[in-house]
N, C-alpha and C. Protein backbone atom coordinates (compact mmCIF):
# COMPACT_ATOMS: atom_id res chain seq x y z
N MET A 1 12.06 10.22 -5.14
CA MET A 1 10.66 9.95 -4.87
C MET A 1 10.17 8.90 -5.87
N VAL A 2 9.43 7.95 -5.38
CA VAL A 2 8.92 6.87 -6.22
C VAL A 2 7.65 7.32 -6.91
N SER A 3 7.60 7.08 -8.21
CA SER A 3 6.41 7.44 -8.98
C SER A 3 5.29 6.45 -8.70
N ILE A 4 4.06 6.93 -8.76
CA ILE A 4 2.90 6.05 -8.59
C ILE A 4 2.70 5.17 -9.79
N TYR A 5 3.46 5.42 -10.85
CA TYR A 5 3.28 4.66 -12.09
C TYR A 5 4.28 3.52 -12.25
N THR A 6 5.21 3.37 -11.30
CA THR A 6 6.17 2.28 -11.43
C THR A 6 5.49 0.94 -11.14
N GLN A 7 6.05 -0.09 -11.72
CA GLN A 7 5.52 -1.44 -11.51
C GLN A 7 5.57 -1.81 -10.03
N GLU A 8 6.65 -1.44 -9.37
CA GLU A 8 6.80 -1.77 -7.95
C GLU A 8 5.69 -1.15 -7.12
N TYR A 9 5.40 0.12 -7.37
CA TYR A 9 4.36 0.81 -6.60
C TYR A 9 3.00 0.19 -6.89
N GLN A 10 2.73 -0.11 -8.13
CA GLN A 10 1.46 -0.71 -8.51
C GLN A 10 1.25 -2.08 -7.87
N LEU A 11 2.32 -2.84 -7.68
CA LEU A 11 2.21 -4.14 -7.00
C LEU A 11 1.71 -3.97 -5.57
N VAL A 12 2.22 -2.97 -4.88
CA VAL A 12 1.82 -2.71 -3.50
C VAL A 12 0.36 -2.24 -3.45
N ILE A 13 -0.01 -1.32 -4.33
CA ILE A 13 -1.38 -0.81 -4.34
C ILE A 13 -2.36 -1.93 -4.70
N THR A 14 -1.99 -2.78 -5.64
CA THR A 14 -2.84 -3.91 -6.01
C THR A 14 -3.02 -4.86 -4.83
N LEU A 15 -1.96 -5.11 -4.07
CA LEU A 15 -2.05 -5.94 -2.87
C LEU A 15 -3.06 -5.35 -1.89
N PHE A 16 -2.96 -4.05 -1.64
CA PHE A 16 -3.90 -3.41 -0.72
C PHE A 16 -5.33 -3.51 -1.21
N LYS A 17 -5.55 -3.19 -2.47
CA LYS A 17 -6.90 -3.16 -3.01
C LYS A 17 -7.52 -4.56 -3.05
N THR A 18 -6.78 -5.55 -3.54
CA THR A 18 -7.34 -6.91 -3.61
C THR A 18 -7.59 -7.49 -2.22
N THR A 19 -6.73 -7.17 -1.27
CA THR A 19 -6.94 -7.64 0.10
C THR A 19 -8.18 -6.98 0.69
N ARG A 20 -8.33 -5.68 0.49
CA ARG A 20 -9.50 -4.97 1.01
C ARG A 20 -10.77 -5.56 0.44
N ILE A 21 -10.80 -5.79 -0.85
CA ILE A 21 -11.99 -6.33 -1.50
C ILE A 21 -12.27 -7.76 -1.04
N SER A 22 -11.22 -8.58 -0.94
CA SER A 22 -11.42 -9.98 -0.53
C SER A 22 -11.94 -10.09 0.90
N LYS A 23 -11.60 -9.11 1.72
CA LYS A 23 -12.07 -9.10 3.11
C LYS A 23 -13.38 -8.34 3.27
N ARG A 24 -13.93 -7.92 2.15
CA ARG A 24 -15.21 -7.19 2.12
C ARG A 24 -15.20 -5.95 3.00
N ILE A 25 -14.10 -5.24 2.93
CA ILE A 25 -13.95 -3.97 3.63
C ILE A 25 -14.18 -2.87 2.60
N THR A 26 -15.05 -1.94 2.90
CA THR A 26 -15.30 -0.85 1.97
C THR A 26 -14.19 0.20 2.09
N GLN A 27 -14.10 1.02 1.06
CA GLN A 27 -13.15 2.13 1.12
C GLN A 27 -13.47 3.02 2.31
N GLY A 28 -14.75 3.23 2.57
CA GLY A 28 -15.17 4.06 3.69
C GLY A 28 -14.74 3.49 5.03
N GLN A 29 -14.91 2.17 5.20
CA GLN A 29 -14.51 1.53 6.46
C GLN A 29 -13.00 1.64 6.65
N LEU A 30 -12.25 1.40 5.60
CA LEU A 30 -10.79 1.50 5.70
C LEU A 30 -10.37 2.93 5.99
N ALA A 31 -11.01 3.88 5.33
CA ALA A 31 -10.70 5.29 5.56
C ALA A 31 -10.99 5.69 7.01
N ASP A 32 -12.14 5.26 7.54
CA ASP A 32 -12.48 5.57 8.92
C ASP A 32 -11.44 5.02 9.89
N ALA A 33 -11.03 3.78 9.66
CA ALA A 33 -10.04 3.15 10.54
C ALA A 33 -8.69 3.87 10.46
N LEU A 34 -8.39 4.42 9.29
CA LEU A 34 -7.13 5.13 9.09
C LEU A 34 -7.22 6.60 9.53
N GLY A 35 -8.45 7.06 9.73
CA GLY A 35 -8.62 8.46 10.11
C GLY A 35 -8.52 9.40 8.92
N ARG A 36 -8.86 8.89 7.75
CA ARG A 36 -8.80 9.67 6.52
C ARG A 36 -10.17 9.63 5.84
N SER A 37 -10.30 10.32 4.73
CA SER A 37 -11.57 10.32 4.00
C SER A 37 -11.61 9.15 3.01
N GLN A 38 -12.84 8.81 2.61
CA GLN A 38 -13.01 7.75 1.61
C GLN A 38 -12.33 8.14 0.31
N SER A 39 -12.36 9.41 -0.03
CA SER A 39 -11.73 9.85 -1.28
C SER A 39 -10.22 9.66 -1.24
N PHE A 40 -9.62 9.70 -0.05
CA PHE A 40 -8.19 9.43 0.09
C PHE A 40 -7.89 8.01 -0.37
N ILE A 41 -8.68 7.03 0.12
CA ILE A 41 -8.48 5.63 -0.26
C ILE A 41 -8.72 5.45 -1.75
N ALA A 42 -9.77 6.07 -2.28
CA ALA A 42 -10.07 5.98 -3.71
C ALA A 42 -8.91 6.52 -4.55
N LYS A 43 -8.35 7.64 -4.14
CA LYS A 43 -7.24 8.23 -4.88
C LYS A 43 -5.99 7.35 -4.82
N VAL A 44 -5.75 6.73 -3.68
CA VAL A 44 -4.62 5.81 -3.57
C VAL A 44 -4.83 4.62 -4.51
N GLU A 45 -6.01 4.02 -4.45
CA GLU A 45 -6.28 2.84 -5.27
C GLU A 45 -6.31 3.15 -6.76
N ASN A 46 -6.67 4.38 -7.11
CA ASN A 46 -6.72 4.77 -8.53
C ASN A 46 -5.41 5.35 -9.04
N GLY A 47 -4.42 5.40 -8.17
CA GLY A 47 -3.12 5.91 -8.58
C GLY A 47 -3.03 7.42 -8.67
N GLU A 48 -3.93 8.11 -8.00
CA GLU A 48 -3.91 9.57 -8.01
C GLU A 48 -3.20 10.16 -6.80
N ARG A 49 -2.89 9.31 -5.83
CA ARG A 49 -2.27 9.77 -4.58
C ARG A 49 -1.21 8.77 -4.17
N ARG A 50 -0.02 9.26 -3.83
CA ARG A 50 1.09 8.42 -3.40
C ARG A 50 1.04 8.23 -1.89
N LEU A 51 1.41 7.05 -1.45
CA LEU A 51 1.47 6.75 -0.02
C LEU A 51 2.88 6.92 0.52
N ALA A 52 2.98 7.49 1.70
CA ALA A 52 4.26 7.51 2.42
C ALA A 52 4.46 6.13 3.04
N ILE A 53 5.66 5.82 3.41
CA ILE A 53 5.97 4.50 3.98
C ILE A 53 5.16 4.25 5.26
N VAL A 54 5.01 5.27 6.08
CA VAL A 54 4.25 5.09 7.33
C VAL A 54 2.79 4.78 7.02
N GLU A 55 2.21 5.46 6.05
CA GLU A 55 0.83 5.18 5.65
C GLU A 55 0.71 3.76 5.09
N SER A 56 1.72 3.33 4.35
CA SER A 56 1.71 1.96 3.81
C SER A 56 1.72 0.92 4.92
N VAL A 57 2.52 1.17 5.93
CA VAL A 57 2.58 0.23 7.06
C VAL A 57 1.24 0.23 7.80
N HIS A 58 0.66 1.40 8.02
CA HIS A 58 -0.64 1.47 8.69
C HIS A 58 -1.71 0.74 7.89
N LEU A 59 -1.74 0.93 6.59
CA LEU A 59 -2.72 0.21 5.76
C LEU A 59 -2.49 -1.29 5.83
N SER A 60 -1.24 -1.71 5.79
CA SER A 60 -0.93 -3.13 5.93
C SER A 60 -1.49 -3.70 7.22
N GLN A 61 -1.25 -3.01 8.30
CA GLN A 61 -1.72 -3.47 9.61
C GLN A 61 -3.24 -3.52 9.66
N LEU A 62 -3.91 -2.51 9.13
CA LEU A 62 -5.37 -2.49 9.14
C LEU A 62 -5.97 -3.61 8.30
N LEU A 63 -5.29 -3.97 7.23
CA LEU A 63 -5.79 -5.02 6.35
C LEU A 63 -5.33 -6.41 6.76
N GLY A 64 -4.53 -6.49 7.81
CA GLY A 64 -4.05 -7.79 8.28
C GLY A 64 -2.93 -8.36 7.44
N ILE A 65 -2.19 -7.47 6.78
CA ILE A 65 -1.04 -7.88 5.97
C ILE A 65 0.21 -7.56 6.78
N GLU A 66 1.07 -8.54 6.96
CA GLU A 66 2.34 -8.24 7.63
C GLU A 66 3.12 -7.27 6.74
N PRO A 67 3.62 -6.17 7.31
CA PRO A 67 4.36 -5.21 6.49
C PRO A 67 5.49 -5.83 5.67
N GLU A 68 6.09 -6.90 6.20
CA GLU A 68 7.17 -7.58 5.47
C GLU A 68 6.65 -8.17 4.16
N ILE A 69 5.42 -8.66 4.16
CA ILE A 69 4.83 -9.22 2.94
C ILE A 69 4.66 -8.11 1.91
N MET A 70 4.16 -6.96 2.37
CA MET A 70 4.02 -5.82 1.47
C MET A 70 5.37 -5.42 0.89
N ILE A 71 6.37 -5.34 1.74
CA ILE A 71 7.71 -4.95 1.29
C ILE A 71 8.29 -5.98 0.34
N ASN A 72 8.06 -7.26 0.62
CA ASN A 72 8.61 -8.31 -0.24
C ASN A 72 7.92 -8.40 -1.60
N LYS A 73 6.80 -7.70 -1.78
CA LYS A 73 6.17 -7.62 -3.11
C LYS A 73 7.01 -6.78 -4.06
N ILE A 74 7.86 -5.95 -3.49
CA ILE A 74 8.71 -5.07 -4.30
C ILE A 74 9.96 -5.87 -4.70
N PRO A 75 10.13 -6.13 -6.00
CA PRO A 75 11.28 -6.92 -6.43
C PRO A 75 12.60 -6.23 -6.09
N ARG A 76 13.59 -7.04 -5.75
CA ARG A 76 14.92 -6.50 -5.45
C ARG A 76 15.51 -5.95 -6.74
N LYS A 77 15.88 -4.70 -6.68
CA LYS A 77 16.39 -4.01 -7.86
C LYS A 77 17.85 -3.62 -7.69
N PHE A 78 18.26 -3.46 -6.46
CA PHE A 78 19.60 -2.96 -6.18
C PHE A 78 20.32 -3.90 -5.23
N SER A 79 21.64 -3.90 -5.32
CA SER A 79 22.47 -4.65 -4.37
C SER A 79 22.87 -3.69 -3.24
N ALA A 80 23.10 -4.27 -2.09
CA ALA A 80 23.52 -3.45 -0.94
C ALA A 80 24.89 -2.81 -1.25
N LEU A 81 25.05 -1.58 -0.80
CA LEU A 81 26.34 -0.91 -0.98
C LEU A 81 27.40 -1.55 -0.10
N TYR A 82 26.97 -1.97 1.09
CA TYR A 82 27.87 -2.61 2.03
C TYR A 82 27.19 -3.86 2.53
N PRO A 83 27.83 -5.02 2.41
CA PRO A 83 27.21 -6.26 2.91
C PRO A 83 26.94 -6.15 4.40
N LEU A 84 25.83 -6.77 4.83
CA LEU A 84 25.48 -6.73 6.25
C LEU A 84 26.36 -7.64 7.05
């Protein structure tokens, strides 16, 4: 399980938060669109709540971020076990 305190996780959360703010979307508006509470978004942005991959993709889509861009924010740390 990935910690909310890792640099990689913080890069993704920062992308979500800065995009939301730059698009002038409130936490409440984002929460409504996601079907969650405003406190859920606040906890995610404050590092009190971890996102599952599906939630991350949904947030990306709602904010107009291609999920690949979100994923590419995570630096490559490991080599593939088997080349593709």
